[in-house]
Amino acid sequence: MSKTKIHATTQYFTEIADIVDTVVALTNGFACSIIEIEATNFALLSQAEQYAKIAGYAGLLNSLSFPIQILIKSKREDISSYLKLLDGEAQKAKEQKLGTYITQYRQYIGELVRQNSILDKRFYVVISFSSLELGATHAIKSKDFITQAKASLTTKTNALLEQIARTNLKAKVLQKEELVRLFYSVFNPLQSDIDAATTSEDIQIPVVKGAQNGKTT
């Protein structure tokens, strides 16, 4: 029985054709831009502030004239380096009382981490653009597609940013390098992040690690 060589890689399943500035072009004729929203501790807000946040969020949803996708990304935080830093600061403290306070704080943080997972939560809003908005026969690889997609997405993201600002939350549209880092972390949850010194020109888009030997596929 002859064996058929498989040429497809996991890269194919990412469905990302290209990333240009703030636009992610997909292989299915769609494109998108992504807004990252700064998290806030809702439980620490006063009742009036909580009501204001809820009203602002309701107003944002009611103002939408296009679909959005809300993504919440949680990542377990490793604070072992922070605990080592506290140990060092306790030893270097010139006053014994200060060193004792730092040690007690370190013990409190250590116990807190032991009993509860420390999560870093990131909030994203995905705004989409369809090639059908340009006509059914328009090619996905056309430069005009990227230009038209960027124009449409810029209008949508600006409108959404105005609504987000009314809730007193900080938000920004992710640029190319930030998008690459985001997709890298999504497709490689068990891998460490891309080196901070790596520029967008050095990054292959998208980057997917093989599960068995860590090779890029």
C-alpha atoms as a PDB file:
ATOM      1  CA  MET A   1       0.000   0.000   0.000  1.00  0.00           C
ATOM      2  CA  SER A   2       1.435   3.360  -1.039  1.00  0.00           C
ATOM      3  CA  LYS A   3       1.770   6.049   1.562  1.00  0.00           C
ATOM      4  CA  THR A   4       0.502   9.535   0.829  1.00  0.00           C
ATOM      5  CA  LYS A   5       2.797  12.272   2.099  1.00  0.00           C
ATOM      6  CA  ILE A   6       0.954  14.908   4.090  1.00  0.00           C
ATOM      7  CA  HIS A   7       2.133  18.437   3.345  1.00  0.00           C
ATOM      8  CA  ALA A   8      -0.339  20.325   5.547  1.00  0.00           C
ATOM      9  CA  THR A   9       0.933  21.725   8.842  1.00  0.00           C
ATOM     10  CA  THR A  10      -0.696  23.191  11.920  1.00  0.00           C
ATOM     11  CA  GLN A  11       0.055  26.585  10.365  1.00  0.00           C
ATOM     12  CA  TYR A  12      -2.854  25.936   7.976  1.00  0.00           C
ATOM     13  CA  PHE A  13      -5.392  25.722  10.783  1.00  0.00           C
ATOM     14  CA  THR A  14      -4.662  29.196  12.164  1.00  0.00           C
ATOM     15  CA  GLU A  15      -6.601  30.685   9.207  1.00  0.00           C
ATOM     16  CA  ILE A  16      -4.437  33.826   9.343  1.00  0.00           C
ATOM     17  CA  ALA A  17      -3.347  35.002   5.903  1.00  0.00           C
ATOM     18  CA  ASP A  18      -1.476  38.150   6.958  1.00  0.00           C
ATOM     19  CA  ILE A  19      -1.266  40.918   9.533  1.00  0.00           C
ATOM     20  CA  VAL A  20      -0.906  44.478   8.247  1.00  0.00           C
ATOM     21  CA  ASP A  21      -0.757  47.277  10.824  1.00  0.00           C
ATOM     22  CA  THR A  22      -3.943  46.755  12.869  1.00  0.00           C
ATOM     23  CA  VAL A  23      -5.659  44.434  10.369  1.00  0.00           C
ATOM     24  CA  VAL A  24      -5.654  40.640  10.600  1.00  0.00           C
ATOM     25  CA  ALA A  25      -6.540  39.191   7.175  1.00  0.00           C
ATOM     26  CA  LEU A  26      -8.060  35.708   7.370  1.00  0.00           C
ATOM     27  CA  THR A  27      -8.116  32.998   4.722  1.00  0.00           C
ATOM     28  CA  ASN A  28     -11.926  32.798   4.712  1.00  0.00           C
ATOM     29  CA  GLY A  29     -12.486  36.273   3.239  1.00  0.00           C
ATOM     30  CA  PHE A  30     -12.775  38.050   6.583  1.00  0.00           C
ATOM     31  CA  ALA A  31     -10.522  40.470   8.409  1.00  0.00           C
ATOM     32  CA  CYS A  32     -10.569  41.828  11.926  1.00  0.00           C
ATOM     33  CA  SER A  33      -9.072  44.308  14.342  1.00  0.00           C
ATOM     34  CA  ILE A  34      -8.718  43.732  18.065  1.00  0.00           C
ATOM     35  CA  ILE A  35      -9.175  46.187  20.919  1.00  0.00           C
ATOM     36  CA  GLU A  36      -7.584  45.433  24.283  1.00  0.00           C
ATOM     37  CA  ILE A  37      -9.441  46.854  27.293  1.00  0.00           C
ATOM     38  CA  GLU A  38      -7.743  47.500  30.607  1.00  0.00           C
ATOM     39  CA  ALA A  39      -9.211  45.432  33.425  1.00  0.00           C
ATOM     40  CA  THR A  40     -10.797  47.006  36.497  1.00  0.00           C
ATOM     41  CA  ASN A  41     -11.660  45.492  39.879  1.00  0.00           C
ATOM     42  CA  PHE A  42     -15.440  45.800  39.840  1.00  0.00           C
ATOM     43  CA  ALA A  43     -15.781  44.561  43.432  1.00  0.00           C
ATOM     44  CA  LEU A  44     -13.700  47.458  44.778  1.00  0.00           C
ATOM     45  CA  LEU A  45     -15.895  50.124  43.154  1.00  0.00           C
ATOM     46  CA  SER A  46     -18.558  51.971  45.097  1.00  0.00           C
ATOM     47  CA  GLN A  47     -22.177  51.114  44.376  1.00  0.00           C
ATOM     48  CA  ALA A  48     -22.605  54.313  42.367  1.00  0.00           C
ATOM     49  CA  GLU A  49     -19.491  53.528  40.313  1.00  0.00           C
ATOM     50  CA  GLN A  50     -20.712  49.987  39.695  1.00  0.00           C
ATOM     51  CA  TYR A  51     -24.068  51.271  38.443  1.00  0.00           C
ATOM     52  CA  ALA A  52     -22.246  53.745  36.187  1.00  0.00           C
ATOM     53  CA  LYS A  53     -20.110  50.939  34.730  1.00  0.00           C
ATOM     54  CA  ILE A  54     -23.188  48.768  34.105  1.00  0.00           C
ATOM     55  CA  ALA A  55     -25.067  51.661  32.484  1.00  0.00           C
ATOM     56  CA  GLY A  56     -22.059  52.497  30.318  1.00  0.00           C
ATOM     57  CA  TYR A  57     -21.736  48.863  29.196  1.00  0.00           C
ATOM     58  CA  ALA A  58     -25.465  48.714  28.392  1.00  0.00           C
ATOM     59  CA  GLY A  59     -25.128  51.925  26.391  1.00  0.00           C
ATOM     60  CA  LEU A  60     -22.173  50.468  24.494  1.00  0.00           C
ATOM     61  CA  LEU A  61     -24.136  47.355  23.516  1.00  0.00           C
ATOM     62  CA  ASN A  62     -27.190  49.361  22.495  1.00  0.00           C
ATOM     63  CA  SER A  63     -25.073  51.641  20.300  1.00  0.00           C
ATOM     64  CA  LEU A  64     -23.594  48.828  18.212  1.00  0.00           C
ATOM     65  CA  SER A  65     -24.515  48.680  14.536  1.00  0.00           C
ATOM     66  CA  PHE A  66     -22.059  45.859  13.755  1.00  0.00           C
ATOM     67  CA  PRO A  67     -21.216  42.511  15.410  1.00  0.00           C
ATOM     68  CA  ILE A  68     -18.410  42.160  17.928  1.00  0.00           C
ATOM     69  CA  GLN A  69     -16.823  39.265  19.787  1.00  0.00           C
ATOM     70  CA  ILE A  70     -15.715  39.637  23.417  1.00  0.00           C
ATOM     71  CA  LEU A  71     -12.726  37.503  24.418  1.00  0.00           C
ATOM     72  CA  ILE A  72     -11.471  37.019  27.985  1.00  0.00           C
ATOM     73  CA  LYS A  73      -8.010  35.436  28.216  1.00  0.00           C
ATOM     74  CA  SER A  74      -6.849  34.069  31.570  1.00  0.00           C
ATOM     75  CA  LYS A  75      -3.265  33.067  32.253  1.00  0.00           C
ATOM     76  CA  ARG A  76      -1.877  31.570  35.452  1.00  0.00           C
ATOM     77  CA  GLU A  77       0.762  33.917  36.874  1.00  0.00           C
ATOM     78  CA  ASP A  78       4.115  32.671  38.177  1.00  0.00           C
ATOM     79  CA  ILE A  79       5.166  35.010  41.001  1.00  0.00           C
ATOM     80  CA  SER A  80       8.095  32.944  42.254  1.00  0.00           C
ATOM     81  CA  SER A  81      10.512  35.682  41.139  1.00  0.00           C
ATOM     82  CA  TYR A  82       8.497  38.218  43.137  1.00  0.00           C
ATOM     83  CA  LEU A  83       8.679  36.038  46.242  1.00  0.00           C
ATOM     84  CA  LYS A  84      12.466  35.739  45.814  1.00  0.00           C
ATOM     85  CA  LEU A  85      12.648  39.516  45.500  1.00  0.00           C
ATOM     86  CA  LEU A  86      10.811  39.901  48.807  1.00  0.00           C
ATOM     87  CA  ASP A  87      13.193  37.444  50.448  1.00  0.00           C
ATOM     88  CA  GLY A  88      16.121  39.514  49.243  1.00  0.00           C
ATOM     89  CA  GLU A  89      14.568  42.784  50.393  1.00  0.00           C
ATOM     90  CA  ALA A  90      13.900  41.318  53.850  1.00  0.00           C
ATOM     91  CA  GLN A  91      17.552  40.317  54.173  1.00  0.00           C
ATOM     92  CA  LYS A  92      18.817  43.703  52.957  1.00  0.00           C
ATOM     93  CA  ALA A  93      16.518  45.723  55.237  1.00  0.00           C
ATOM     94  CA  LYS A  94      18.619  47.929  57.513  1.00  0.00           C
ATOM     95  CA  GLU A  95      15.960  48.065  60.213  1.00  0.00           C
ATOM     96  CA  GLN A  96      14.907  44.819  61.861  1.00  0.00           C
ATOM     97  CA  LYS A  97      11.273  45.923  62.109  1.00  0.00           C
ATOM     98  CA  LEU A  98      11.132  46.641  58.362  1.00  0.00           C
ATOM     99  CA  GLY A  99      12.661  43.247  57.615  1.00  0.00           C
ATOM    100  CA  THR A 100      10.062  41.587  59.821  1.00  0.00           C
ATOM    101  CA  TYR A 101       7.218  43.384  58.014  1.00  0.00           C
ATOM    102  CA  ILE A 102       8.554  42.317  54.622  1.00  0.00           C
ATOM    103  CA  THR A 103       8.916  38.705  55.823  1.00  0.00           C
ATOM    104  CA  GLN A 104       5.353  38.680  57.164  1.00  0.00           C
ATOM    105  CA  TYR A 105       4.076  40.140  53.879  1.00  0.00           C
ATOM    106  CA  ARG A 106       6.036  37.520  51.937  1.00  0.00           C
ATOM    107  CA  GLN A 107       4.496  34.754  54.043  1.00  0.00           C
ATOM    108  CA  TYR A 108       1.025  36.196  53.448  1.00  0.00           C
ATOM    109  CA  ILE A 109       1.529  36.331  49.666  1.00  0.00           C
ATOM    110  CA  GLY A 110       2.986  32.820  49.658  1.00  0.00           C
ATOM    111  CA  GLU A 111      -0.005  31.431  51.543  1.00  0.00           C
ATOM    112  CA  LEU A 112      -2.405  33.323  49.300  1.00  0.00           C
ATOM    113  CA  VAL A 113      -0.804  31.841  46.184  1.00  0.00           C
ATOM    114  CA  ARG A 114      -0.801  28.362  47.707  1.00  0.00           C
ATOM    115  CA  GLN A 115      -4.551  28.489  48.338  1.00  0.00           C
ATOM    116  CA  ASN A 116      -5.622  30.418  45.233  1.00  0.00           C
ATOM    117  CA  SER A 117      -4.429  30.611  41.657  1.00  0.00           C
ATOM    118  CA  ILE A 118      -3.203  34.056  40.629  1.00  0.00           C
ATOM    119  CA  LEU A 119      -4.588  34.798  37.176  1.00  0.00           C
ATOM    120  CA  ASP A 120      -3.721  37.535  34.724  1.00  0.00           C
ATOM    121  CA  LYS A 121      -6.933  38.406  32.888  1.00  0.00           C
ATOM    122  CA  ARG A 122      -6.918  40.237  29.576  1.00  0.00           C
ATOM    123  CA  PHE A 123     -10.065  41.528  27.876  1.00  0.00           C
ATOM    124  CA  TYR A 124     -10.368  41.908  24.110  1.00  0.00           C
ATOM    125  CA  VAL A 125     -13.058  43.009  21.666  1.00  0.00           C
ATOM    126  CA  VAL A 126     -12.808  41.625  18.127  1.00  0.00           C
ATOM    127  CA  ILE A 127     -14.338  43.689  15.310  1.00  0.00           C
ATOM    128  CA  SER A 128     -14.812  41.905  11.994  1.00  0.00           C
ATOM    129  CA  PHE A 129     -14.891  42.876   8.324  1.00  0.00           C
ATOM    130  CA  SER A 130     -16.231  40.667   5.531  1.00  0.00           C
ATOM    131  CA  SER A 131     -15.024  40.602   1.932  1.00  0.00           C
ATOM    132  CA  LEU A 132     -18.724  40.511   0.991  1.00  0.00           C
ATOM    133  CA  GLU A 133     -18.805  44.188   1.910  1.00  0.00           C
ATOM    134  CA  LEU A 134     -16.612  44.714  -1.186  1.00  0.00           C
ATOM    135  CA  GLY A 135     -18.573  42.355  -3.437  1.00  0.00           C
ATOM    136  CA  ALA A 136     -18.682  38.581  -3.696  1.00  0.00           C
ATOM    137  CA  THR A 137     -15.943  38.354  -6.356  1.00  0.00           C
ATOM    138  CA  HIS A 138     -13.327  40.445  -4.535  1.00  0.00           C
ATOM    139  CA  ALA A 139     -10.058  38.574  -3.910  1.00  0.00           C
ATOM    140  CA  ILE A 140      -8.761  38.111  -0.393  1.00  0.00           C
ATOM    141  CA  LYS A 141      -5.130  38.698  -1.448  1.00  0.00           C
ATOM    142  CA  SER A 142      -5.849  41.983  -3.183  1.00  0.00           C
ATOM    143  CA  LYS A 143      -4.057  45.031  -1.773  1.00  0.00           C
ATOM    144  CA  ASP A 144      -7.369  46.849  -2.163  1.00  0.00           C
ATOM    145  CA  PHE A 145      -8.936  44.354   0.234  1.00  0.00           C
ATOM    146  CA  ILE A 146      -6.494  45.327   3.000  1.00  0.00           C
ATOM    147  CA  THR A 147      -7.029  49.030   2.272  1.00  0.00           C
ATOM    148  CA  GLN A 148     -10.806  48.729   2.330  1.00  0.00           C
ATOM    149  CA  ALA A 149     -10.756  46.478   5.384  1.00  0.00           C
ATOM    150  CA  LYS A 150      -8.554  48.916   7.284  1.00  0.00           C
ATOM    151  CA  ALA A 151     -10.806  51.857   6.402  1.00  0.00           C
ATOM    152  CA  SER A 152     -13.935  50.029   7.524  1.00  0.00           C
ATOM    153  CA  LEU A 153     -12.359  48.617  10.664  1.00  0.00           C
ATOM    154  CA  THR A 154     -10.902  51.987  11.636  1.00  0.00           C
ATOM    155  CA  THR A 155     -14.366  53.538  11.522  1.00  0.00           C
ATOM    156  CA  LYS A 156     -15.798  50.731  13.639  1.00  0.00           C
ATOM    157  CA  THR A 157     -12.977  50.711  16.182  1.00  0.00           C
ATOM    158  CA  ASN A 158     -13.089  54.496  16.617  1.00  0.00           C
ATOM    159  CA  ALA A 159     -16.831  54.328  17.302  1.00  0.00           C
ATOM    160  CA  LEU A 160     -16.290  51.548  19.825  1.00  0.00           C
ATOM    161  CA  LEU A 161     -13.387  53.341  21.511  1.00  0.00           C
ATOM    162  CA  GLU A 162     -15.638  56.359  22.085  1.00  0.00           C
ATOM    163  CA  GLN A 163     -18.221  54.175  23.819  1.00  0.00           C
ATOM    164  CA  ILE A 164     -15.565  52.434  25.918  1.00  0.00           C
ATOM    165  CA  ALA A 165     -14.175  55.808  27.020  1.00  0.00           C
ATOM    166  CA  ARG A 166     -17.601  56.681  28.432  1.00  0.00           C
ATOM    167  CA  THR A 167     -17.251  53.783  30.871  1.00  0.00           C
ATOM    168  CA  ASN A 168     -13.950  55.274  32.142  1.00  0.00           C
ATOM    169  CA  LEU A 169     -11.993  52.278  30.885  1.00  0.00           C
ATOM    170  CA  LYS A 170      -8.726  52.527  28.981  1.00  0.00           C
ATOM    171  CA  ALA A 171      -8.555  50.736  25.645  1.00  0.00           C
ATOM    172  CA  LYS A 172      -6.299  50.547  22.606  1.00  0.00           C
ATOM    173  CA  VAL A 173      -6.266  48.971  19.157  1.00  0.00           C
ATOM    174  CA  LEU A 174      -3.568  46.296  18.953  1.00  0.00           C
ATOM    175  CA  GLN A 175      -0.776  46.916  16.459  1.00  0.00           C
ATOM    176  CA  LYS A 176       1.013  44.263  14.381  1.00  0.00           C
ATOM    177  CA  GLU A 177       3.618  43.219  16.950  1.00  0.00           C
ATOM    178  CA  GLU A 178       1.022  43.107  19.734  1.00  0.00           C
ATOM    179  CA  LEU A 179      -1.264  40.998  17.549  1.00  0.00           C
ATOM    180  CA  VAL A 180       1.532  38.544  16.781  1.00  0.00           C
ATOM    181  CA  ARG A 181       2.309  38.173  20.482  1.00  0.00           C
ATOM    182  CA  LEU A 182      -1.376  37.645  21.265  1.00  0.00           C
ATOM    183  CA  PHE A 183      -1.806  34.920  18.632  1.00  0.00           C
ATOM    184  CA  TYR A 184       1.466  33.298  19.701  1.00  0.00           C
ATOM    185  CA  SER A 185       0.180  32.986  23.276  1.00  0.00           C
ATOM    186  CA  VAL A 186      -3.168  31.630  22.025  1.00  0.00           C
ATOM    187  CA  PHE A 187      -1.670  28.963  19.754  1.00  0.00           C
ATOM    188  CA  ASN A 188       1.167  28.095  22.158  1.00  0.00           C
ATOM    189  CA  PRO A 189      -0.343  28.160  25.671  1.00  0.00           C
ATOM    190  CA  LEU A 190       2.424  25.968  27.139  1.00  0.00           C
ATOM    191  CA  GLN A 191       5.287  27.904  25.543  1.00  0.00           C
ATOM    192  CA  SER A 192       6.997  30.963  26.993  1.00  0.00           C
ATOM    193  CA  ASP A 193       6.238  34.308  25.393  1.00  0.00           C
ATOM    194  CA  ILE A 194       8.189  35.699  22.441  1.00  0.00           C
ATOM    195  CA  ASP A 195      11.341  37.429  23.632  1.00  0.00           C
ATOM    196  CA  ALA A 196      10.626  41.065  24.472  1.00  0.00           C
ATOM    197  CA  ALA A 197      13.538  42.189  22.277  1.00  0.00           C
ATOM    198  CA  THR A 198      12.081  40.506  19.204  1.00  0.00           C
ATOM    199  CA  THR A 199      10.688  42.993  16.706  1.00  0.00           C
ATOM    200  CA  SER A 200       7.698  42.500  14.453  1.00  0.00           C
ATOM    201  CA  GLU A 201      10.052  42.171  11.448  1.00  0.00           C
ATOM    202  CA  ASP A 202      11.734  39.152  13.081  1.00  0.00           C
ATOM    203  CA  ILE A 203       8.489  37.315  13.823  1.00  0.00           C
ATOM    204  CA  GLN A 204       7.001  34.820  11.412  1.00  0.00           C
ATOM    205  CA  ILE A 205       3.195  35.158  11.345  1.00  0.00           C
ATOM    206  CA  PRO A 206       1.654  33.184  12.825  1.00  0.00           C
ATOM    207  CA  VAL A 207       3.991  31.115  15.010  1.00  0.00           C
ATOM    208  CA  VAL A 208       2.827  27.664  16.068  1.00  0.00           C
ATOM    209  CA  LYS A 209       4.982  25.228  18.027  1.00  0.00           C
ATOM    210  CA  GLY A 210       4.893  21.485  17.421  1.00  0.00           C
ATOM    211  CA  ALA A 211       3.486  19.574  20.400  1.00  0.00           C
ATOM    212  CA  GLN A 212       6.072  16.782  20.444  1.00  0.00           C
ATOM    213  CA  ASN A 213       9.506  18.310  19.969  1.00  0.00           C
ATOM    214  CA  GLY A 214       8.963  22.052  20.161  1.00  0.00           C
ATOM    215  CA  LYS A 215       9.763  22.591  16.469  1.00  0.00           C
ATOM    216  CA  THR A 216       7.952  25.340  14.643  1.00  0.00           C
ATOM    217  CA  THR A 217       5.447  23.981  12.120  1.00  0.00           C
END
